[in-house]
Amino acid sequence: MTFQPIIPSSGYTGWAFLNRTLESQKEAFNASPELQRDTEYFEENIGSVKTVEDLMSNRRLLSVALGAFGLNEDIDSQYFIQKVLSDGTISADSLANKLSDKRYAEFSAAFGFGDLGTPNTVLSTFPQTIISKYQDSQFEIAVGNQDESMRLALNLDRQLTEMAEKSGSDAGRWYGVMGNTAVRTVFETALGLPSALGKLDLDQQMTEFRGKTEQYFDDSEVAQFSDPNKREELVRLYLVRNEIAQSGLGTSSAQNALLLLSN
């Protein structure tokens, strides 16, 4: 039987408990028989995969590969996934680079089929890299089955760290934030931005994100979230705003809660 994450309550209280027990809960989850069978099979067999076709023809390997990037639901979209992998990410015209969801570009770049003469699957460190991502992703999904806001908070702590530490311009990092549905959802909720913001021009969207981020964090750049304390502030703001929205608190109660949080 697969271990089910324990979340005793919603909101920031539940998040604090999950954070305190995260390592022990993940250890128990990773020890689940089904998960162990899948990861052991991947570790033993991914090295024999030399082409996109090799991966596409092995559903067990493909399931772990997609699951590592939270793309489990695409397991039956064979042509689409094959195109994402075959195109690679070096060309600006590749399918992965045209998609707003940047998980596909990360997936394609990780395997390297369309970019390199030899794919990354032959590297000795590759299996454990993907397995680690798969375990994290599947744990987050299990958490989300109980409380979606907790899943988004966990995902943010992992992915925002990578985005914040990524080389390049701040604009490039913001494009990464805006192009990742889960991370963007946390930012929009935490900063009190409407989901309709996505209908605006990308530069206008970035201006709104930067302005609100500076208002709450005294800094408009994504790089600041390499600091775990800043990420925790963002998560706390997200969970409080989300709980207010879910509970239907009156305007004055919501304002008081956010005022206390801001201080």
Protein backbone atom coordinates (compact mmCIF):
# COMPACT_ATOMS: atom_id res chain seq x y z
CA MET A 1 0.00 0.00 0.00
CA THR A 2 1.30 3.46 -0.96
CA PHE A 3 1.99 5.77 1.97
CA GLN A 4 -0.44 8.68 2.07
CA PRO A 5 1.00 12.03 3.23
CA ILE A 6 -0.34 13.31 6.54
CA ILE A 7 -1.78 16.84 6.53
CA PRO A 8 -3.68 17.49 9.78
CA SER A 9 -5.13 20.86 8.80
CA SER A 10 -5.40 23.34 5.97
CA GLY A 11 -3.69 26.70 5.57
CA TYR A 12 -0.41 27.78 7.07
CA THR A 13 -0.81 25.58 10.16
CA GLY A 14 -0.99 22.50 7.96
CA TRP A 15 1.97 23.74 5.92
CA ALA A 16 4.07 24.21 9.06
CA PHE A 17 3.36 20.59 10.09
CA LEU A 18 4.12 19.27 6.61
CA ASN A 19 7.40 21.20 6.57
CA ARG A 20 8.46 19.82 9.96
CA THR A 21 7.75 16.23 8.95
CA LEU A 22 8.64 16.49 5.26
CA GLU A 23 11.79 14.35 5.24
CA SER A 24 10.27 11.48 7.23
CA GLN A 25 7.06 11.57 5.20
CA LYS A 26 8.95 11.54 1.89
CA GLU A 27 11.13 8.68 3.10
CA ALA A 28 8.03 6.63 3.92
CA PHE A 29 6.42 7.55 0.59
CA ASN A 30 9.53 6.61 -1.42
CA ALA A 31 9.61 3.24 0.32
CA SER A 32 6.17 2.34 -1.05
CA PRO A 33 6.46 -0.95 -3.01
CA GLU A 34 4.92 0.35 -6.25
CA LEU A 35 7.14 3.44 -6.32
CA GLN A 36 10.22 1.37 -5.60
CA ARG A 37 9.40 -1.07 -8.41
CA ASP A 38 9.01 1.78 -10.89
CA THR A 39 12.22 3.59 -9.89
CA GLU A 40 14.29 0.40 -9.77
CA TYR A 41 13.09 -0.56 -13.25
CA PHE A 42 13.94 2.90 -14.54
CA GLU A 43 17.41 2.82 -13.03
CA GLU A 44 18.14 -0.61 -14.50
CA ASN A 45 16.81 0.06 -18.01
CA ILE A 46 17.04 3.72 -18.98
CA GLY A 47 20.70 3.35 -19.99
CA SER A 48 19.65 1.15 -22.91
CA VAL A 49 17.49 3.96 -24.34
CA LYS A 50 19.40 5.63 -27.18
CA THR A 51 16.59 7.17 -29.24
CA VAL A 52 13.22 8.84 -28.75
CA GLU A 53 11.62 5.76 -30.26
CA ASP A 54 13.26 3.55 -27.63
CA LEU A 55 11.68 5.62 -24.86
CA MET A 56 8.28 5.90 -26.52
CA SER A 57 8.07 2.12 -26.96
CA ASN A 58 8.58 1.43 -23.26
CA ARG A 59 5.54 2.65 -21.31
CA ARG A 60 7.07 1.94 -17.89
CA LEU A 61 10.13 4.07 -18.61
CA LEU A 62 8.04 6.78 -20.26
CA SER A 63 5.73 6.90 -17.25
CA VAL A 64 8.62 7.70 -14.89
CA ALA A 65 10.17 10.12 -17.40
CA LEU A 66 6.95 12.13 -17.72
CA GLY A 67 6.14 11.80 -14.03
CA ALA A 68 9.44 13.41 -13.10
CA PHE A 69 8.20 16.63 -14.67
CA GLY A 70 4.60 16.39 -13.48
CA LEU A 71 3.42 15.42 -16.97
CA ASN A 72 1.82 12.09 -16.03
CA GLU A 73 -1.40 12.86 -17.88
CA ASP A 74 0.43 13.04 -21.23
CA ILE A 75 1.31 9.33 -21.20
CA ASP A 76 -1.15 8.61 -24.05
CA SER A 77 -0.25 11.67 -26.14
CA GLN A 78 2.37 9.71 -28.05
CA TYR A 79 2.82 11.91 -31.11
CA PHE A 80 2.90 15.11 -29.07
CA ILE A 81 5.53 13.84 -26.60
CA GLN A 82 7.64 12.34 -29.37
CA LYS A 83 7.65 15.73 -31.14
CA VAL A 84 8.60 17.55 -27.90
CA LEU A 85 11.56 15.20 -27.39
CA SER A 86 12.67 15.03 -31.04
CA ASP A 87 12.72 18.79 -31.56
CA GLY A 88 14.91 19.44 -28.52
CA THR A 89 15.24 22.95 -27.13
CA ILE A 90 18.18 24.56 -28.94
CA SER A 91 16.08 25.85 -31.81
CA ALA A 92 13.67 28.69 -31.06
CA ASP A 93 11.22 26.98 -33.41
CA SER A 94 11.15 23.72 -31.45
CA LEU A 95 7.74 22.69 -30.13
CA ALA A 96 8.83 22.78 -26.48
CA ASN A 97 9.99 26.38 -26.81
CA LYS A 98 6.68 27.42 -28.34
CA LEU A 99 4.61 25.99 -25.50
CA SER A 100 3.68 28.33 -22.65
CA ASP A 101 4.10 25.48 -20.12
CA LYS A 102 7.88 25.38 -19.59
CA ARG A 103 7.80 21.88 -18.10
CA TYR A 104 7.95 20.51 -21.64
CA ALA A 105 11.16 22.40 -22.38
CA GLU A 106 12.68 21.15 -19.12
CA PHE A 107 11.62 17.59 -19.99
CA SER A 108 13.08 17.78 -23.49
CA ALA A 109 16.33 19.41 -22.35
CA ALA A 110 16.81 16.84 -19.59
CA PHE A 111 16.79 13.92 -22.04
CA GLY A 112 18.66 15.76 -24.80
CA PHE A 113 17.43 13.66 -27.73
CA GLY A 114 16.94 16.58 -30.12
CA ASP A 115 19.92 18.61 -28.98
CA LEU A 116 22.85 16.24 -28.61
CA GLY A 117 24.57 13.60 -30.70
CA THR A 118 24.28 11.29 -27.70
CA PRO A 119 21.30 11.58 -25.31
CA ASN A 120 21.73 12.14 -21.59
CA THR A 121 20.24 8.70 -20.91
CA VAL A 122 23.70 7.13 -21.22
CA LEU A 123 25.19 9.25 -18.43
CA SER A 124 25.85 7.38 -15.19
CA THR A 125 24.26 10.15 -13.09
CA PHE A 126 21.14 10.45 -15.26
CA PRO A 127 18.93 7.74 -13.68
CA GLN A 128 19.22 9.11 -10.16
CA THR A 129 18.62 12.69 -11.35
CA ILE A 130 15.32 11.71 -12.96
CA ILE A 131 14.35 9.35 -10.13
CA SER A 132 14.83 12.10 -7.56
CA LYS A 133 12.61 14.44 -9.58
CA TYR A 134 10.06 11.65 -10.03
CA GLN A 135 9.89 10.94 -6.30
CA ASP A 136 9.44 14.64 -5.51
CA SER A 137 6.78 15.06 -8.18
CA GLN A 138 4.79 11.99 -7.16
CA PHE A 139 4.90 13.00 -3.49
CA GLU A 140 3.56 16.43 -4.44
CA ILE A 141 0.74 14.79 -6.41
CA ALA A 142 -0.13 12.62 -3.38
CA VAL A 143 -0.17 15.75 -1.21
CA GLY A 144 -2.34 17.49 -3.79
CA ASN A 145 -4.88 14.69 -3.66
CA GLN A 146 -5.55 15.82 -0.09
CA ASP A 147 -4.93 19.55 -0.36
CA GLU A 148 -4.10 21.21 -3.69
CA SER A 149 -2.76 24.37 -2.02
CA MET A 150 -0.13 22.28 -0.20
CA ARG A 151 0.95 20.71 -3.48
CA LEU A 152 1.41 24.13 -5.03
CA ALA A 153 3.37 25.30 -2.00
CA LEU A 154 5.71 22.28 -2.18
CA ASN A 155 6.15 22.69 -5.91
CA LEU A 156 6.93 26.37 -5.48
CA ASP A 157 9.66 25.75 -2.91
CA ARG A 158 11.40 23.37 -5.33
CA GLN A 159 10.84 25.05 -8.69
CA LEU A 160 11.16 28.68 -7.64
CA THR A 161 14.59 27.91 -6.19
CA GLU A 162 15.71 26.67 -9.62
CA MET A 163 14.20 29.70 -11.35
CA ALA A 164 15.73 32.18 -8.92
CA GLU A 165 19.20 30.71 -9.30
CA LYS A 166 19.04 30.38 -13.08
CA SER A 167 21.58 32.45 -15.01
CA GLY A 168 20.38 35.17 -17.37
CA SER A 169 18.28 38.29 -17.06
CA ASP A 170 15.57 39.04 -14.54
CA ALA A 171 13.12 39.31 -17.44
CA GLY A 172 14.02 35.77 -18.45
CA ARG A 173 13.38 34.55 -14.92
CA TRP A 174 10.00 36.29 -14.86
CA TYR A 175 9.07 34.64 -18.17
CA GLY A 176 9.87 31.34 -16.46
CA VAL A 177 7.57 32.20 -13.54
CA MET A 178 4.76 33.34 -15.82
CA GLY A 179 5.14 30.27 -18.03
CA ASN A 180 4.88 27.76 -15.19
CA THR A 181 1.19 27.28 -14.34
CA ALA A 182 1.73 26.06 -10.77
CA VAL A 183 4.29 28.72 -9.81
CA ARG A 184 2.28 31.44 -11.50
CA THR A 185 -0.85 30.43 -9.57
CA VAL A 186 0.96 30.87 -6.26
CA PHE A 187 2.30 34.29 -7.26
CA GLU A 188 -1.07 35.50 -8.55
CA THR A 189 -2.86 34.42 -5.38
CA ALA A 190 -0.17 35.67 -2.99
CA LEU A 191 0.06 39.05 -4.71
CA GLY A 192 -3.70 39.47 -5.12
CA LEU A 193 -3.51 39.53 -8.92
CA PRO A 194 -6.52 38.46 -11.03
CA SER A 195 -6.24 35.38 -13.24
CA ALA A 196 -7.48 37.57 -16.10
CA LEU A 197 -4.03 39.15 -16.03
CA GLY A 198 -2.99 36.42 -18.46
CA LYS A 199 -4.99 38.10 -21.21
CA LEU A 200 -2.64 41.09 -21.23
CA ASP A 201 0.53 41.49 -23.28
CA LEU A 202 3.46 39.63 -21.67
CA ASP A 203 5.36 42.84 -20.94
CA GLN A 204 2.30 44.30 -19.20
CA GLN A 205 1.92 41.12 -17.18
CA MET A 206 5.55 41.31 -16.09
CA THR A 207 5.11 44.94 -15.05
CA GLU A 208 2.20 43.91 -12.81
CA PHE A 209 4.09 40.98 -11.29
CA ARG A 210 7.17 43.11 -10.63
CA GLY A 211 5.18 45.96 -9.14
CA LYS A 212 3.24 43.79 -6.71
CA THR A 213 6.34 41.80 -5.77
CA GLU A 214 8.20 44.99 -4.91
CA GLN A 215 5.20 46.17 -2.88
CA TYR A 216 5.24 43.04 -0.68
CA PHE A 217 8.94 42.15 -0.69
CA ASP A 218 10.73 45.49 -1.28
CA ASP A 219 12.39 43.93 -4.33
CA SER A 220 11.00 43.23 -7.78
CA GLU A 221 13.48 40.57 -8.91
CA VAL A 222 12.94 36.81 -9.01
CA ALA A 223 16.51 36.20 -7.81
CA GLN A 224 15.53 37.26 -4.27
CA PHE A 225 13.61 33.98 -3.90
CA SER A 226 16.83 32.00 -3.77
CA ASP A 227 16.59 33.01 -0.10
CA PRO A 228 14.49 30.35 1.70
CA ASN A 229 13.09 33.00 4.04
CA LYS A 230 11.70 34.93 1.09
CA ARG A 231 10.17 31.77 -0.37
CA GLU A 232 8.57 31.02 2.99
CA GLU A 233 7.11 34.55 3.12
CA LEU A 234 5.63 34.02 -0.35
CA VAL A 235 4.16 30.64 0.61
CA ARG A 236 2.67 32.05 3.80
CA LEU A 237 1.07 34.94 1.91
CA TYR A 238 -0.29 32.50 -0.68
CA LEU A 239 -1.78 30.12 1.90
CA VAL A 240 -3.38 32.91 3.93
CA ARG A 241 -4.94 34.55 0.86
CA ASN A 242 -6.07 31.17 -0.45
CA GLU A 243 -7.66 30.22 2.88
CA ILE A 244 -9.45 33.55 3.05
CA ALA A 245 -10.83 32.99 -0.45
CA GLN A 246 -11.92 29.43 0.39
CA SER A 247 -13.52 30.32 3.72
CA GLY A 248 -15.57 33.21 2.39
CA LEU A 249 -14.47 35.61 5.12
CA GLY A 250 -15.91 39.10 4.94
CA THR A 251 -13.88 41.94 3.46
CA SER A 252 -12.94 43.45 6.82
CA SER A 253 -11.81 40.08 8.23
CA ALA A 254 -9.72 39.39 5.13
CA GLN A 255 -8.16 42.84 5.27
CA ASN A 256 -7.28 42.40 8.96
CA ALA A 257 -5.69 39.02 8.30
CA LEU A 258 -3.61 40.34 5.44
CA LEU A 259 -2.62 43.42 7.42
CA LEU A 260 -1.34 41.22 10.25
CA LEU A 261 0.49 39.04 7.74
CA SER A 262 2.11 42.01 6.02
CA ASN A 263 3.38 43.29 9.35
